Amino acid sequence: MSAVPDAPPTTADMARDADLALVLAQGRPVGPASGEVRKRLRSHIGLLVDPAEEYAKDLTDPRARDIASGTVEHARGLLRDQDGDPAAMLRLLGKAVHHLLRYASHVQRHERRT
């Protein structure tokens, strides 16, 4: 995580947590450590869904727009779903963060150009 405790996570922090989730999911991810990773991933998703949705809405290709919009909605669903297999949840949350990071980065690059 960031050096400053109250600072928002960086994209590198988010990507690192997503990677950690995928590694943890390969074993038996139970206990406070995996719970903390799931909590951080949900927080990351909360920060990323709006910029990712903005990206999805701006896509001109209808198929790409549908896929990106579906990914955003699935991520929102993961925020509501607190139960389930811990390994599966880590994989789903980690992959969602990776996708949302990619979408959000497109929005940030576009904003820098304008």
N, C-alpha and C. Protein backbone atom coordinates (compact mmCIF):
# COMPACT_ATOMS: atom_id res chain seq x y z
N MET A 1 0.83 -1.18 0.00
CA MET A 1 0.00 0.00 0.00
C MET A 1 0.87 1.24 0.00
N SER A 2 0.25 2.39 -0.16
CA SER A 2 0.95 3.67 -0.19
C SER A 2 1.67 3.90 1.12
N ALA A 3 2.75 4.70 1.07
CA ALA A 3 3.53 5.02 2.25
C ALA A 3 2.72 5.83 3.25
N VAL A 4 1.83 6.69 2.79
CA VAL A 4 1.00 7.51 3.65
C VAL A 4 -0.29 6.74 3.93
N PRO A 5 -0.60 6.42 5.22
CA PRO A 5 -1.74 5.55 5.53
C PRO A 5 -3.09 6.05 5.01
N ASP A 6 -3.34 7.36 5.04
CA ASP A 6 -4.64 7.88 4.62
C ASP A 6 -4.69 8.25 3.14
N ALA A 7 -3.60 8.09 2.44
CA ALA A 7 -3.56 8.41 1.02
C ALA A 7 -4.37 7.37 0.25
N PRO A 8 -5.06 7.80 -0.81
CA PRO A 8 -5.77 6.83 -1.62
C PRO A 8 -4.78 5.88 -2.29
N PRO A 9 -5.22 4.67 -2.57
CA PRO A 9 -4.30 3.72 -3.21
C PRO A 9 -3.93 4.18 -4.61
N THR A 10 -2.73 3.90 -5.00
CA THR A 10 -2.29 4.18 -6.36
C THR A 10 -2.71 3.04 -7.26
N THR A 11 -2.58 3.25 -8.57
CA THR A 11 -2.89 2.15 -9.49
C THR A 11 -1.94 0.98 -9.26
N ALA A 12 -0.70 1.29 -8.88
CA ALA A 12 0.26 0.21 -8.58
C ALA A 12 -0.19 -0.57 -7.35
N ASP A 13 -0.71 0.11 -6.34
CA ASP A 13 -1.24 -0.57 -5.15
C ASP A 13 -2.38 -1.50 -5.54
N MET A 14 -3.29 -0.98 -6.37
CA MET A 14 -4.44 -1.77 -6.78
C MET A 14 -4.03 -2.99 -7.59
N ALA A 15 -3.11 -2.80 -8.51
CA ALA A 15 -2.63 -3.92 -9.33
C ALA A 15 -1.92 -4.95 -8.46
N ARG A 16 -1.15 -4.49 -7.51
CA ARG A 16 -0.44 -5.40 -6.61
C ARG A 16 -1.43 -6.22 -5.79
N ASP A 17 -2.49 -5.58 -5.28
CA ASP A 17 -3.51 -6.32 -4.53
C ASP A 17 -4.22 -7.33 -5.42
N ALA A 18 -4.51 -6.94 -6.66
CA ALA A 18 -5.18 -7.86 -7.58
C ALA A 18 -4.29 -9.07 -7.87
N ASP A 19 -3.01 -8.83 -8.07
CA ASP A 19 -2.06 -9.94 -8.29
C ASP A 19 -1.98 -10.83 -7.04
N LEU A 20 -1.92 -10.21 -5.87
CA LEU A 20 -1.86 -10.96 -4.61
C LEU A 20 -3.09 -11.84 -4.46
N ALA A 21 -4.24 -11.32 -4.81
CA ALA A 21 -5.48 -12.09 -4.71
C ALA A 21 -5.41 -13.35 -5.58
N LEU A 22 -4.88 -13.20 -6.79
CA LEU A 22 -4.80 -14.36 -7.68
C LEU A 22 -3.82 -15.40 -7.15
N VAL A 23 -2.77 -14.95 -6.49
CA VAL A 23 -1.82 -15.89 -5.89
C VAL A 23 -2.45 -16.58 -4.68
N LEU A 24 -3.08 -15.80 -3.81
CA LEU A 24 -3.73 -16.37 -2.63
C LEU A 24 -4.82 -17.36 -3.01
N ALA A 25 -5.52 -17.10 -4.10
CA ALA A 25 -6.61 -17.96 -4.52
C ALA A 25 -6.14 -19.35 -4.92
N GLN A 26 -4.86 -19.51 -5.19
CA GLN A 26 -4.33 -20.81 -5.57
C GLN A 26 -4.22 -21.76 -4.38
N GLY A 27 -4.23 -21.21 -3.17
CA GLY A 27 -4.14 -22.04 -1.97
C GLY A 27 -5.46 -22.08 -1.25
N ARG A 28 -5.37 -22.08 0.08
CA ARG A 28 -6.58 -22.06 0.91
C ARG A 28 -6.68 -20.68 1.56
N PRO A 29 -7.29 -19.73 0.86
CA PRO A 29 -7.29 -18.34 1.31
C PRO A 29 -8.33 -18.06 2.40
N VAL A 30 -8.02 -18.50 3.62
CA VAL A 30 -8.90 -18.23 4.75
C VAL A 30 -8.11 -17.45 5.79
N GLY A 31 -8.83 -16.78 6.64
CA GLY A 31 -8.17 -16.03 7.69
C GLY A 31 -8.16 -14.55 7.44
N PRO A 32 -7.59 -13.82 8.39
CA PRO A 32 -7.63 -12.36 8.32
C PRO A 32 -6.87 -11.76 7.14
N ALA A 33 -5.79 -12.37 6.72
CA ALA A 33 -5.00 -11.80 5.61
C ALA A 33 -5.80 -11.79 4.31
N SER A 34 -6.42 -12.91 3.99
CA SER A 34 -7.20 -12.95 2.75
C SER A 34 -8.46 -12.10 2.88
N GLY A 35 -9.02 -12.01 4.07
CA GLY A 35 -10.16 -11.14 4.29
C GLY A 35 -9.81 -9.67 4.06
N GLU A 36 -8.61 -9.29 4.50
CA GLU A 36 -8.16 -7.91 4.31
C GLU A 36 -7.94 -7.62 2.82
N VAL A 37 -7.40 -8.58 2.09
CA VAL A 37 -7.20 -8.39 0.64
C VAL A 37 -8.55 -8.24 -0.06
N ARG A 38 -9.52 -9.08 0.31
CA ARG A 38 -10.86 -8.95 -0.29
C ARG A 38 -11.46 -7.58 0.03
N LYS A 39 -11.28 -7.11 1.25
CA LYS A 39 -11.80 -5.80 1.64
C LYS A 39 -11.15 -4.68 0.81
N ARG A 40 -9.83 -4.75 0.64
CA ARG A 40 -9.14 -3.72 -0.17
C ARG A 40 -9.59 -3.78 -1.62
N LEU A 41 -9.76 -4.99 -2.16
CA LEU A 41 -10.19 -5.12 -3.55
C LEU A 41 -11.58 -4.51 -3.75
N ARG A 42 -12.47 -4.73 -2.82
CA ARG A 42 -13.80 -4.13 -2.92
C ARG A 42 -13.70 -2.61 -2.88
N SER A 43 -12.81 -2.11 -2.05
CA SER A 43 -12.59 -0.66 -1.98
C SER A 43 -12.05 -0.14 -3.32
N HIS A 44 -11.12 -0.88 -3.90
CA HIS A 44 -10.56 -0.49 -5.20
C HIS A 44 -11.66 -0.46 -6.27
N ILE A 45 -12.51 -1.48 -6.26
CA ILE A 45 -13.60 -1.55 -7.23
C ILE A 45 -14.50 -0.33 -7.06
N GLY A 46 -14.79 0.03 -5.81
CA GLY A 46 -15.61 1.20 -5.55
C GLY A 46 -15.02 2.48 -6.14
N LEU A 47 -13.70 2.57 -6.13
CA LEU A 47 -13.03 3.75 -6.70
C LEU A 47 -12.98 3.72 -8.23
N LEU A 48 -13.01 2.53 -8.80
CA LEU A 48 -12.79 2.38 -10.24
C LEU A 48 -14.05 2.26 -11.08
N VAL A 49 -15.19 1.88 -10.49
CA VAL A 49 -16.36 1.58 -11.32
C VAL A 49 -16.88 2.80 -12.08
N ASP A 50 -16.88 3.97 -11.47
CA ASP A 50 -17.40 5.14 -12.19
C ASP A 50 -16.54 5.53 -13.39
N PRO A 51 -15.20 5.64 -13.22
CA PRO A 51 -14.39 5.93 -14.42
C PRO A 51 -14.48 4.81 -15.47
N ALA A 52 -14.57 3.57 -15.02
CA ALA A 52 -14.68 2.46 -15.97
C ALA A 52 -16.01 2.52 -16.72
N GLU A 53 -17.06 2.90 -16.02
CA GLU A 53 -18.36 3.04 -16.68
C GLU A 53 -18.34 4.18 -17.69
N GLU A 54 -17.67 5.27 -17.35
CA GLU A 54 -17.51 6.39 -18.29
C GLU A 54 -16.82 5.90 -19.56
N TYR A 55 -15.76 5.12 -19.40
CA TYR A 55 -15.05 4.56 -20.55
C TYR A 55 -15.99 3.70 -21.39
N ALA A 56 -16.74 2.82 -20.71
CA ALA A 56 -17.63 1.91 -21.43
C ALA A 56 -18.67 2.68 -22.24
N LYS A 57 -19.24 3.71 -21.65
CA LYS A 57 -20.28 4.49 -22.34
C LYS A 57 -19.74 5.22 -23.57
N ASP A 58 -18.46 5.56 -23.55
CA ASP A 58 -17.86 6.31 -24.66
C ASP A 58 -17.40 5.42 -25.81
N LEU A 59 -17.44 4.12 -25.66
CA LEU A 59 -17.01 3.23 -26.73
C LEU A 59 -18.00 3.30 -27.89
N THR A 60 -17.48 3.38 -29.09
CA THR A 60 -18.36 3.48 -30.26
C THR A 60 -18.76 2.12 -30.81
N ASP A 61 -17.92 1.11 -30.61
CA ASP A 61 -18.22 -0.24 -31.07
C ASP A 61 -19.26 -0.84 -30.11
N PRO A 62 -20.46 -1.18 -30.61
CA PRO A 62 -21.51 -1.68 -29.73
C PRO A 62 -21.12 -2.95 -28.97
N ARG A 63 -20.41 -3.84 -29.62
CA ARG A 63 -20.00 -5.09 -28.94
C ARG A 63 -19.01 -4.79 -27.82
N ALA A 64 -18.02 -3.95 -28.09
CA ALA A 64 -17.04 -3.59 -27.07
C ALA A 64 -17.72 -2.85 -25.92
N ARG A 65 -18.68 -1.99 -26.26
CA ARG A 65 -19.42 -1.24 -25.23
C ARG A 65 -20.20 -2.21 -24.34
N ASP A 66 -20.86 -3.20 -24.95
CA ASP A 66 -21.62 -4.18 -24.18
C ASP A 66 -20.71 -4.99 -23.25
N ILE A 67 -19.57 -5.39 -23.76
CA ILE A 67 -18.63 -6.17 -22.95
C ILE A 67 -18.12 -5.34 -21.77
N ALA A 68 -17.69 -4.12 -22.05
CA ALA A 68 -17.17 -3.26 -20.98
C ALA A 68 -18.27 -2.93 -19.97
N SER A 69 -19.48 -2.65 -20.44
CA SER A 69 -20.59 -2.35 -19.53
C SER A 69 -20.94 -3.57 -18.68
N GLY A 70 -20.89 -4.74 -19.28
CA GLY A 70 -21.14 -5.97 -18.53
C GLY A 70 -20.08 -6.21 -17.46
N THR A 71 -18.85 -5.90 -17.78
CA THR A 71 -17.76 -6.04 -16.82
C THR A 71 -17.96 -5.10 -15.64
N VAL A 72 -18.37 -3.88 -15.93
CA VAL A 72 -18.62 -2.90 -14.86
C VAL A 72 -19.78 -3.37 -13.98
N GLU A 73 -20.85 -3.84 -14.58
CA GLU A 73 -22.00 -4.32 -13.80
C GLU A 73 -21.63 -5.54 -12.96
N HIS A 74 -20.83 -6.43 -13.52
CA HIS A 74 -20.37 -7.59 -12.77
C HIS A 74 -19.55 -7.14 -11.56
N ALA A 75 -18.69 -6.16 -11.75
CA ALA A 75 -17.89 -5.65 -10.64
C ALA A 75 -18.79 -5.05 -9.57
N ARG A 76 -19.82 -4.32 -9.98
CA ARG A 76 -20.76 -3.76 -9.00
C ARG A 76 -21.46 -4.88 -8.23
N GLY A 77 -21.77 -5.95 -8.91
CA GLY A 77 -22.38 -7.10 -8.25
C GLY A 77 -21.46 -7.72 -7.22
N LEU A 78 -20.16 -7.73 -7.51
CA LEU A 78 -19.20 -8.27 -6.54
C LEU A 78 -19.16 -7.44 -5.27
N LEU A 79 -19.46 -6.16 -5.38
CA LEU A 79 -19.50 -5.31 -4.18
C LEU A 79 -20.64 -5.72 -3.27
N ARG A 80 -21.72 -6.21 -3.84
CA ARG A 80 -22.88 -6.63 -3.04
C ARG A 80 -22.73 -8.04 -2.51
N ASP A 81 -21.98 -8.88 -3.21
CA ASP A 81 -21.85 -10.30 -2.86
C ASP A 81 -20.72 -10.48 -1.87
N GLN A 82 -21.06 -10.76 -0.62
CA GLN A 82 -20.05 -10.91 0.42
C GLN A 82 -19.76 -12.39 0.73
N ASP A 83 -20.59 -13.30 0.25
CA ASP A 83 -20.45 -14.71 0.57
C ASP A 83 -19.82 -15.46 -0.60
N GLY A 84 -19.63 -16.74 -0.36
CA GLY A 84 -19.11 -17.58 -1.42
C GLY A 84 -17.75 -18.15 -1.08
N ASP A 85 -17.26 -18.95 -1.97
CA ASP A 85 -15.96 -19.58 -1.81
C ASP A 85 -14.87 -18.52 -1.77
N PRO A 86 -14.06 -18.49 -0.71
CA PRO A 86 -13.03 -17.45 -0.60
C PRO A 86 -12.06 -17.41 -1.79
N ALA A 87 -11.66 -18.56 -2.29
CA ALA A 87 -10.74 -18.59 -3.43
C ALA A 87 -11.40 -18.02 -4.68
N ALA A 88 -12.65 -18.42 -4.91
CA ALA A 88 -13.38 -17.91 -6.08
C ALA A 88 -13.58 -16.40 -5.97
N MET A 89 -13.93 -15.93 -4.78
CA MET A 89 -14.13 -14.49 -4.60
C MET A 89 -12.84 -13.72 -4.83
N LEU A 90 -11.72 -14.24 -4.35
CA LEU A 90 -10.44 -13.56 -4.58
C LEU A 90 -10.14 -13.48 -6.07
N ARG A 91 -10.38 -14.57 -6.79
CA ARG A 91 -10.14 -14.57 -8.24
C ARG A 91 -11.05 -13.55 -8.93
N LEU A 92 -12.33 -13.58 -8.60
CA LEU A 92 -13.28 -12.66 -9.24
C LEU A 92 -12.95 -11.21 -8.92
N LEU A 93 -12.66 -10.92 -7.66
CA LEU A 93 -12.33 -9.54 -7.28
C LEU A 93 -11.02 -9.09 -7.93
N GLY A 94 -10.02 -9.96 -7.92
CA GLY A 94 -8.72 -9.61 -8.51
C GLY A 94 -8.84 -9.34 -10.00
N LYS A 95 -9.56 -10.20 -10.71
CA LYS A 95 -9.72 -10.00 -12.15
C LYS A 95 -10.55 -8.76 -12.45
N ALA A 96 -11.56 -8.50 -11.62
CA ALA A 96 -12.38 -7.30 -11.82
C ALA A 96 -11.52 -6.05 -11.67
N VAL A 97 -10.67 -6.02 -10.65
CA VAL A 97 -9.80 -4.85 -10.45
C VAL A 97 -8.88 -4.67 -11.65
N HIS A 98 -8.31 -5.75 -12.16
CA HIS A 98 -7.44 -5.64 -13.34
C HIS A 98 -8.19 -5.02 -14.52
N HIS A 99 -9.41 -5.51 -14.79
CA HIS A 99 -10.18 -4.98 -15.92
C HIS A 99 -10.55 -3.51 -15.70
N LEU A 100 -11.03 -3.19 -14.50
CA LEU A 100 -11.44 -1.82 -14.22
C LEU A 100 -10.26 -0.86 -14.28
N LEU A 101 -9.10 -1.31 -13.81
CA LEU A 101 -7.89 -0.48 -13.92
C LEU A 101 -7.59 -0.15 -15.37
N ARG A 102 -7.71 -1.13 -16.23
CA ARG A 102 -7.44 -0.91 -17.66
C ARG A 102 -8.44 0.08 -18.23
N TYR A 103 -9.72 -0.09 -17.91
CA TYR A 103 -10.73 0.84 -18.42
C TYR A 103 -10.50 2.24 -17.88
N ALA A 104 -10.27 2.35 -16.58
CA ALA A 104 -10.08 3.67 -15.96
C ALA A 104 -8.84 4.36 -16.50
N SER A 105 -7.80 3.59 -16.84
CA SER A 105 -6.58 4.20 -17.37
C SER A 105 -6.84 4.85 -18.72
N HIS A 106 -7.75 4.30 -19.50
CA HIS A 106 -8.11 4.91 -20.79
C HIS A 106 -8.74 6.28 -20.56
N VAL A 107 -9.58 6.39 -19.56
CA VAL A 107 -10.23 7.66 -19.25
C VAL A 107 -9.19 8.68 -18.80
N GLN A 108 -8.28 8.26 -17.93
CA GLN A 108 -7.24 9.18 -17.44
C GLN A 108 -6.35 9.66 -18.57
N ARG A 109 -5.97 8.78 -19.49
CA ARG A 109 -5.13 9.19 -20.62
C ARG A 109 -5.85 10.19 -21.50
N HIS A 110 -7.14 9.96 -21.73
CA HIS A 110 -7.93 10.88 -22.54
C HIS A 110 -8.02 12.26 -21.86
N GLU A 111 -8.22 12.28 -20.55
CA GLU A 111 -8.31 13.55 -19.82
C GLU A 111 -6.99 14.33 -19.88
N ARG A 112 -5.89 13.64 -19.87
CA ARG A 112 -4.58 14.32 -19.94
C ARG A 112 -4.36 14.94 -21.30
N ARG A 113 -4.91 14.33 -22.34
CA ARG A 113 -4.74 14.86 -23.70
C ARG A 113 -5.59 16.09 -23.96
N THR A 114 -6.68 16.23 -23.24
CA THR A 114 -7.59 17.36 -23.51
C THR A 114 -7.33 18.52 -22.58
